[in-house]
N, C-alpha and C. Protein backbone atom coordinates (compact mmCIF):
# COMPACT_ATOMS: atom_id res chain seq x y z
N UNK A 1 -183.99 124.97 -86.19
CA UNK A 1 -183.63 123.55 -85.20
C UNK A 1 -181.71 123.78 -84.96
N UNK A 2 -181.20 124.11 -83.93
CA UNK A 2 -180.26 124.38 -83.46
C UNK A 2 -179.32 122.68 -84.47
N UNK A 3 -178.32 122.96 -84.76
CA UNK A 3 -177.19 121.91 -85.20
C UNK A 3 -176.47 121.95 -83.68
N UNK A 4 -176.09 120.16 -83.88
CA UNK A 4 -174.82 120.04 -82.98
C UNK A 4 -173.73 120.07 -83.40
N UNK A 5 -172.72 120.93 -82.50
CA UNK A 5 -171.81 121.42 -83.33
C UNK A 5 -170.58 120.75 -82.88
N UNK A 6 -169.65 119.78 -83.30
CA UNK A 6 -168.23 118.95 -82.90
C UNK A 6 -167.46 120.35 -82.33
N UNK A 7 -166.58 121.36 -82.20
CA UNK A 7 -166.01 122.29 -81.69
C UNK A 7 -164.62 121.91 -82.45
N UNK A 8 -163.67 122.63 -82.34
CA UNK A 8 -162.33 122.29 -82.32
C UNK A 8 -161.29 122.44 -80.79
N UNK A 9 -160.37 122.15 -81.09
CA UNK A 9 -159.62 121.95 -80.09
C UNK A 9 -159.29 123.05 -79.99
N UNK A 10 -158.67 123.99 -80.72
CA UNK A 10 -158.16 125.06 -80.59
C UNK A 10 -159.18 125.72 -79.72
N UNK A 11 -160.31 126.04 -79.93
CA UNK A 11 -161.09 126.78 -78.91
C UNK A 11 -161.65 126.25 -77.81
N UNK A 12 -161.25 125.02 -77.36
CA UNK A 12 -161.06 123.87 -76.10
C UNK A 12 -160.34 124.32 -75.64
N UNK A 13 -159.08 124.97 -75.49
CA UNK A 13 -157.93 125.06 -74.90
C UNK A 13 -157.67 126.19 -74.83
N UNK A 14 -158.56 127.41 -75.10
CA UNK A 14 -158.13 128.84 -74.99
C UNK A 14 -158.18 129.18 -73.33
N UNK A 15 -157.90 130.09 -72.28
CA UNK A 15 -158.21 130.64 -71.48
C UNK A 15 -159.39 130.72 -70.55
N UNK A 16 -160.58 131.32 -71.60
CA UNK A 16 -161.82 130.96 -70.91
C UNK A 16 -162.74 129.54 -70.78
N UNK A 17 -161.85 128.95 -72.33
CA UNK A 17 -162.64 127.49 -71.63
C UNK A 17 -161.91 126.54 -70.54
N UNK A 18 -160.45 126.93 -70.37
CA UNK A 18 -159.94 126.26 -68.82
C UNK A 18 -160.34 126.66 -68.00
N UNK A 19 -160.84 128.34 -68.00
CA UNK A 19 -161.44 128.77 -66.51
C UNK A 19 -162.38 127.83 -66.31
N UNK A 20 -163.65 127.39 -67.22
CA UNK A 20 -165.23 127.10 -67.71
C UNK A 20 -165.11 125.52 -67.02
N UNK A 21 -164.00 125.02 -67.70
CA UNK A 21 -163.61 123.72 -67.08
C UNK A 21 -163.09 123.47 -65.24
N UNK A 22 -163.03 124.47 -65.20
CA UNK A 22 -162.24 124.50 -63.45
C UNK A 22 -163.27 124.88 -62.81
N UNK A 23 -164.41 125.64 -63.32
CA UNK A 23 -165.68 126.17 -62.45
C UNK A 23 -166.60 124.83 -62.46
N UNK A 24 -166.48 123.94 -63.50
CA UNK A 24 -167.32 122.91 -63.51
C UNK A 24 -166.70 121.89 -62.75
N UNK A 25 -165.58 122.09 -62.99
CA UNK A 25 -164.35 120.96 -61.36
C UNK A 25 -165.37 121.59 -60.06
N UNK A 26 -164.76 123.05 -59.44
CA UNK A 26 -165.24 123.23 -58.20
C UNK A 26 -166.56 123.27 -57.97
N UNK A 27 -167.60 123.25 -59.23
CA UNK A 27 -168.74 123.20 -58.26
C UNK A 27 -169.95 122.59 -58.17
N UNK A 28 -169.03 120.89 -58.76
CA UNK A 28 -169.26 119.86 -58.83
C UNK A 28 -168.81 119.05 -57.39
N UNK A 29 -167.45 119.95 -56.71
CA UNK A 29 -166.87 119.33 -56.29
C UNK A 29 -167.53 119.76 -54.84
N UNK A 30 -168.09 121.19 -54.94
CA UNK A 30 -168.89 121.32 -54.11
C UNK A 30 -170.55 121.08 -53.63
N UNK A 31 -171.13 120.57 -54.36
CA UNK A 31 -172.46 119.73 -54.39
C UNK A 31 -172.20 118.83 -54.56
N UNK A 32 -171.18 117.88 -54.71
CA UNK A 32 -171.26 116.74 -53.89
C UNK A 32 -170.77 116.36 -52.64
N UNK A 33 -169.80 117.14 -52.24
CA UNK A 33 -169.03 117.23 -50.91
C UNK A 33 -170.24 117.96 -49.79
N UNK A 34 -170.45 118.66 -50.15
CA UNK A 34 -171.91 119.33 -49.29
C UNK A 34 -173.08 118.24 -49.02
N UNK A 35 -173.74 118.01 -50.40
CA UNK A 35 -175.20 117.12 -50.25
C UNK A 35 -174.36 115.80 -49.92
N UNK A 36 -173.27 114.78 -50.06
CA UNK A 36 -173.09 113.66 -49.69
C UNK A 36 -172.61 113.67 -48.37
N UNK A 37 -171.93 114.59 -48.01
CA UNK A 37 -171.77 114.89 -46.68
C UNK A 37 -172.94 115.54 -45.90
N UNK A 38 -174.00 115.50 -45.79
CA UNK A 38 -174.86 115.66 -45.48
C UNK A 38 -175.71 114.46 -44.87
N UNK A 39 -175.83 113.83 -46.04
CA UNK A 39 -176.18 112.17 -45.79
C UNK A 39 -175.35 111.92 -44.86
N UNK A 40 -174.20 111.53 -45.17
CA UNK A 40 -173.26 110.92 -44.19
C UNK A 40 -173.22 111.79 -42.75
N UNK A 41 -173.30 112.72 -42.76
CA UNK A 41 -173.91 113.46 -41.06
C UNK A 41 -175.28 112.85 -41.06
N UNK A 42 -176.33 112.62 -41.70
CA UNK A 42 -177.42 112.46 -40.90
C UNK A 42 -177.49 111.00 -40.92
N UNK A 43 -176.73 109.87 -41.32
CA UNK A 43 -176.41 108.78 -41.06
C UNK A 43 -175.69 108.90 -39.53
N UNK A 44 -175.14 109.81 -39.07
CA UNK A 44 -173.77 109.21 -38.41
C UNK A 44 -174.87 109.92 -37.01
N UNK A 45 -175.23 110.64 -37.10
CA UNK A 45 -175.99 111.60 -35.92
C UNK A 45 -177.54 110.74 -35.49
N UNK A 46 -177.98 110.16 -36.29
CA UNK A 46 -179.09 109.21 -35.64
C UNK A 46 -178.76 108.07 -35.72
N UNK A 47 -180.00 107.11 -35.39
CA UNK A 47 -179.53 106.10 -35.44
C UNK A 47 -179.71 105.39 -36.23
N UNK A 48 -179.64 103.91 -36.34
CA UNK A 48 -179.74 102.85 -38.08
C UNK A 48 -180.83 103.10 -37.99
N UNK A 49 -181.87 102.66 -36.53
CA UNK A 49 -183.30 102.37 -37.40
C UNK A 49 -184.26 102.92 -37.14
N UNK A 50 -184.05 104.02 -36.21
CA UNK A 50 -185.16 105.24 -36.93
C UNK A 50 -184.75 106.18 -38.17
N UNK A 51 -186.00 106.74 -38.59
CA UNK A 51 -185.62 107.22 -40.09
C UNK A 51 -186.79 108.29 -40.00
N UNK A 52 -185.80 109.15 -39.44
CA UNK A 52 -186.81 110.50 -39.31
C UNK A 52 -187.00 111.65 -40.62
N UNK A 53 -188.09 111.65 -40.54
CA UNK A 53 -188.58 113.08 -41.58
C UNK A 53 -187.99 113.71 -41.70
N UNK A 54 -187.86 114.83 -40.35
CA UNK A 54 -187.52 115.76 -40.32
C UNK A 54 -185.62 115.61 -40.78
N UNK A 55 -184.95 114.82 -40.98
CA UNK A 55 -183.85 114.56 -41.15
C UNK A 55 -183.60 114.53 -42.13
N UNK A 56 -184.33 113.94 -42.69
CA UNK A 56 -184.49 113.62 -44.45
C UNK A 56 -184.74 114.80 -45.20
N UNK A 57 -185.43 115.91 -44.64
CA UNK A 57 -185.72 117.01 -44.85
C UNK A 57 -184.92 118.19 -44.85
N UNK A 58 -183.92 117.48 -44.09
CA UNK A 58 -182.79 118.41 -43.20
C UNK A 58 -181.50 118.14 -44.51
N UNK A 59 -181.46 116.90 -45.39
CA UNK A 59 -180.84 116.32 -46.11
C UNK A 59 -181.21 116.89 -47.32
N UNK A 60 -182.27 117.01 -47.71
CA UNK A 60 -182.72 117.07 -48.90
C UNK A 60 -182.48 118.96 -49.02
N UNK A 61 -182.96 120.49 -47.92
CA UNK A 61 -182.09 121.20 -48.01
C UNK A 61 -181.04 121.39 -48.18
N UNK A 62 -180.34 120.62 -47.64
CA UNK A 62 -178.73 120.67 -47.83
C UNK A 62 -178.46 120.95 -49.13
N UNK A 63 -178.93 119.10 -49.82
CA UNK A 63 -178.68 119.30 -51.35
C UNK A 63 -179.26 120.54 -51.52
N UNK A 64 -180.61 120.61 -51.62
CA UNK A 64 -180.82 122.19 -52.53
C UNK A 64 -180.26 123.39 -52.24
N UNK A 65 -179.49 123.76 -51.29
CA UNK A 65 -178.49 124.91 -51.01
C UNK A 65 -177.64 124.68 -51.72
N UNK A 66 -176.86 123.30 -51.72
CA UNK A 66 -175.47 122.94 -51.89
C UNK A 66 -175.55 123.25 -53.39
N UNK A 67 -176.52 122.81 -54.42
CA UNK A 67 -176.86 122.91 -55.96
C UNK A 67 -177.01 124.67 -55.92
N UNK A 68 -177.86 125.16 -55.27
CA UNK A 68 -178.12 127.02 -55.51
C UNK A 68 -176.46 127.32 -55.66
N UNK A 69 -175.81 126.97 -54.29
CA UNK A 69 -174.25 127.49 -54.29
C UNK A 69 -172.94 127.06 -55.62
N UNK A 70 -173.57 125.79 -56.19
CA UNK A 70 -173.01 125.46 -57.07
C UNK A 70 -173.10 125.95 -58.33
N UNK A 71 -174.19 126.18 -58.43
CA UNK A 71 -174.71 126.60 -60.07
C UNK A 71 -174.17 128.39 -59.61
N UNK A 72 -174.65 129.05 -58.72
CA UNK A 72 -174.17 130.45 -58.80
C UNK A 72 -172.37 130.70 -58.54
N UNK A 73 -171.82 129.65 -58.28
CA UNK A 73 -170.43 129.94 -58.66
C UNK A 73 -169.91 129.64 -60.40
N UNK A 74 -170.58 128.72 -60.47
CA UNK A 74 -170.43 128.65 -62.15
C UNK A 74 -170.71 129.25 -63.10
N UNK A 75 -172.13 129.54 -62.87
CA UNK A 75 -173.09 130.28 -63.28
C UNK A 75 -172.31 131.49 -64.76
N UNK A 76 -171.86 132.51 -64.07
CA UNK A 76 -170.90 133.23 -65.15
C UNK A 76 -169.73 132.74 -65.36
N UNK A 77 -169.21 131.48 -65.43
CA UNK A 77 -168.55 131.71 -65.95
C UNK A 77 -168.11 130.00 -67.00
N UNK A 78 -169.00 129.06 -66.38
CA UNK A 78 -169.38 127.78 -67.55
C UNK A 78 -170.51 127.55 -67.77
N UNK A 79 -172.02 128.52 -66.92
CA UNK A 79 -173.23 128.12 -67.32
C UNK A 79 -173.79 127.47 -66.32
N UNK A 80 -172.81 126.62 -65.08
CA UNK A 80 -173.02 126.48 -63.88
C UNK A 80 -174.18 124.87 -63.90
N UNK A 81 -173.50 123.86 -65.16
CA UNK A 81 -174.41 123.11 -65.44
C UNK A 81 -174.15 122.39 -64.31
N UNK A 82 -172.93 121.94 -63.84
CA UNK A 82 -173.06 120.75 -62.54
C UNK A 82 -173.10 119.67 -62.59
N UNK A 83 -173.81 119.04 -63.38
CA UNK A 83 -174.74 118.04 -63.91
C UNK A 83 -174.27 117.73 -65.40
N UNK A 84 -173.70 116.12 -65.42
CA UNK A 84 -172.91 115.92 -66.90
C UNK A 84 -174.59 115.58 -67.44
N UNK A 85 -175.49 115.56 -66.75
CA UNK A 85 -176.95 115.07 -67.92
C UNK A 85 -177.53 116.77 -68.79
N UNK A 86 -176.79 117.74 -67.40
CA UNK A 86 -177.44 118.59 -68.48
C UNK A 86 -176.42 119.42 -69.66
N UNK A 87 -174.95 118.69 -68.96
CA UNK A 87 -174.11 119.09 -69.84
C UNK A 87 -174.73 118.42 -71.59
N UNK A 88 -175.45 117.02 -71.40
CA UNK A 88 -175.36 116.43 -72.78
C UNK A 88 -176.91 116.96 -72.97
N UNK A 89 -177.57 117.50 -72.47
CA UNK A 89 -178.90 118.20 -73.11
C UNK A 89 -178.17 119.22 -73.87
N UNK A 90 -177.56 120.42 -73.55
CA UNK A 90 -177.01 121.41 -74.08
C UNK A 90 -176.37 121.02 -75.52
N UNK A 91 -175.10 120.13 -74.79
CA UNK A 91 -174.53 120.14 -76.54
C UNK A 91 -175.56 118.85 -77.31
N UNK A 92 -176.72 118.45 -76.77
CA UNK A 92 -177.60 118.02 -77.91
C UNK A 92 -178.40 119.03 -78.26
N UNK A 93 -178.97 120.16 -77.96
CA UNK A 93 -179.26 121.06 -78.06
C UNK A 93 -178.76 122.30 -79.07
N UNK A 94 -177.13 121.90 -79.69
CA UNK A 94 -176.12 123.02 -79.89
C UNK A 94 -176.29 124.17 -79.41
N UNK A 95 -176.53 124.35 -77.96
CA UNK A 95 -175.80 124.92 -76.99
C UNK A 95 -174.11 125.25 -76.50
N UNK A 96 -173.68 124.58 -76.66
CA UNK A 96 -171.92 124.05 -75.98
C UNK A 96 -171.42 123.15 -77.71
N UNK A 97 -170.79 122.82 -77.63
CA UNK A 97 -170.17 122.14 -78.71
C UNK A 97 -169.73 121.01 -78.02
N UNK A 98 -170.10 119.49 -79.12
CA UNK A 98 -169.82 118.76 -78.45
C UNK A 98 -168.43 117.98 -77.75
N UNK A 99 -166.95 118.78 -77.88
CA UNK A 99 -166.04 118.98 -77.39
C UNK A 99 -165.99 119.63 -76.20
N UNK A 100 -165.95 120.44 -76.30
CA UNK A 100 -166.59 121.21 -74.70
C UNK A 100 -167.37 120.53 -73.99
N UNK A 101 -168.84 119.66 -74.41
CA UNK A 101 -169.67 119.25 -73.35
C UNK A 101 -168.58 118.03 -73.05
N UNK A 102 -167.70 117.34 -73.83
CA UNK A 102 -166.84 116.29 -73.29
C UNK A 102 -165.55 116.60 -71.84
N UNK A 103 -165.24 117.62 -72.49
CA UNK A 103 -164.03 118.52 -71.46
C UNK A 103 -165.13 118.94 -70.03
N UNK A 104 -166.32 119.12 -70.36
CA UNK A 104 -166.78 119.69 -69.21
C UNK A 104 -167.77 118.00 -68.10
N UNK A 105 -167.90 117.36 -68.88
CA UNK A 105 -167.67 116.18 -68.18
C UNK A 105 -166.89 115.30 -67.23
N UNK A 106 -165.45 115.46 -68.06
CA UNK A 106 -164.60 114.93 -67.36
C UNK A 106 -164.55 116.32 -66.49
N UNK A 107 -164.40 117.34 -66.38
CA UNK A 107 -164.25 118.05 -64.73
C UNK A 107 -165.34 117.71 -63.71
N UNK A 108 -166.28 117.44 -64.77
CA UNK A 108 -167.65 117.21 -63.34
C UNK A 108 -166.93 115.97 -62.46
N UNK A 109 -167.03 114.76 -63.55
CA UNK A 109 -166.36 113.62 -62.99
C UNK A 109 -165.28 113.32 -62.19
N UNK A 110 -164.42 114.25 -62.65
CA UNK A 110 -163.06 114.46 -61.35
C UNK A 110 -163.68 115.07 -60.55
N UNK A 111 -164.14 116.57 -60.38
CA UNK A 111 -164.85 116.72 -59.02
C UNK A 111 -165.53 116.01 -58.41
N UNK A 112 -166.64 115.07 -59.16
CA UNK A 112 -167.13 113.97 -58.00
C UNK A 112 -166.60 113.52 -57.33
N UNK A 113 -165.17 113.22 -58.08
CA UNK A 113 -164.30 111.78 -57.29
C UNK A 113 -163.19 112.17 -56.17
N UNK A 114 -163.06 113.26 -56.70
CA UNK A 114 -162.15 114.72 -55.58
C UNK A 114 -162.77 114.75 -54.21
N UNK A 115 -164.41 115.04 -54.79
CA UNK A 115 -164.94 115.75 -53.24
C UNK A 115 -165.50 114.04 -52.18
N UNK A 116 -165.53 113.17 -53.14
CA UNK A 116 -165.53 111.53 -52.30
C UNK A 116 -164.35 111.34 -51.77
N UNK A 117 -163.27 111.32 -52.36
CA UNK A 117 -162.14 111.31 -51.89
C UNK A 117 -162.12 111.84 -50.41
N UNK A 118 -162.22 113.54 -50.71
CA UNK A 118 -162.19 114.33 -49.35
C UNK A 118 -163.47 114.25 -48.34
N UNK A 119 -164.55 113.56 -49.25
CA UNK A 119 -164.73 113.44 -47.63
C UNK A 119 -164.52 111.80 -46.75
N UNK A 120 -163.78 111.01 -47.79
CA UNK A 120 -163.24 109.71 -46.72
C UNK A 120 -162.70 109.90 -46.13
N UNK A 121 -161.78 110.95 -46.67
CA UNK A 121 -160.53 111.50 -45.75
C UNK A 121 -161.00 111.95 -44.37
N UNK A 122 -161.82 113.32 -44.43
CA UNK A 122 -162.88 114.09 -43.35
C UNK A 122 -163.46 112.97 -42.49
N UNK A 123 -164.17 112.18 -42.74
CA UNK A 123 -164.96 111.43 -41.81
C UNK A 123 -164.30 110.53 -41.33
N UNK A 124 -162.95 109.70 -42.14
CA UNK A 124 -162.52 109.02 -41.20
C UNK A 124 -163.14 107.60 -41.80
N UNK A 125 -163.32 107.29 -43.12
CA UNK A 125 -163.72 106.49 -43.99
C UNK A 125 -165.46 105.79 -43.72
N UNK A 126 -166.01 107.15 -43.18
CA UNK A 126 -167.67 106.74 -42.94
C UNK A 126 -168.43 106.69 -44.22
N UNK A 127 -169.00 105.75 -44.82
CA UNK A 127 -169.77 105.58 -45.41
C UNK A 127 -171.44 106.45 -45.67
N UNK A 128 -171.96 106.38 -46.65
CA UNK A 128 -173.54 106.63 -46.95
C UNK A 128 -173.99 106.03 -46.35
N UNK A 129 -175.30 106.19 -45.57
CA UNK A 129 -176.57 105.11 -45.27
C UNK A 129 -177.79 105.29 -46.34
N UNK A 130 -178.34 103.82 -46.43
CA UNK A 130 -178.97 103.78 -47.14
C UNK A 130 -179.98 102.93 -46.28
N UNK A 131 -181.16 103.38 -46.09
CA UNK A 131 -182.59 103.29 -45.79
C UNK A 131 -183.02 101.98 -47.02
N UNK A 132 -183.72 100.64 -46.96
CA UNK A 132 -183.51 100.03 -46.92
C UNK A 132 -185.08 99.01 -46.48
N UNK A 133 -186.30 98.99 -46.81
CA UNK A 133 -187.58 98.58 -45.81
C UNK A 133 -187.20 99.28 -44.75
N UNK A 134 -186.62 98.33 -43.67
CA UNK A 134 -186.72 98.14 -41.94
C UNK A 134 -185.45 98.18 -41.92
N UNK A 135 -184.58 98.22 -42.70
CA UNK A 135 -183.21 97.74 -41.97
C UNK A 135 -182.47 98.74 -42.91
N UNK A 136 -181.33 99.39 -42.16
CA UNK A 136 -180.07 99.86 -42.72
C UNK A 136 -179.21 99.39 -43.09
N UNK A 137 -178.60 99.65 -44.25
CA UNK A 137 -177.00 99.01 -45.04
C UNK A 137 -176.24 100.21 -45.55
N UNK A 138 -174.82 99.99 -45.52
CA UNK A 138 -173.72 101.25 -46.14
C UNK A 138 -173.69 100.27 -47.08
N UNK A 139 -173.20 101.61 -47.73
CA UNK A 139 -172.76 100.96 -49.43
C UNK A 139 -171.31 101.02 -49.45
């Protein structure tokens, strides 16, 4: 049974560790930018009342490709976690230290925040559409 390791600060600030944090930042930024951007594009290109299954499949495929690219970017450097839940599971399973997991979380959360700010800037403030019953709302 693997033990949970807390980690040391000197290991967490080595050159390899900082490269891993940057890789997690970039891969999460890519995933959120492409995934949420595809949902915004779907909402912009279709009418608010129409719920087109083909468009929803296109958004899902875009999420799949974005996840594939994001994991491929970080796989050899950081493990390609992309998701804080995956990082939590690996820290709990003893595959990475808790301290490294915390820094991965910070990099992933900052990457997703930067991606949302970039999307807001690029799209001119468009929001992600939500289908709720027969009505459409924006968050």
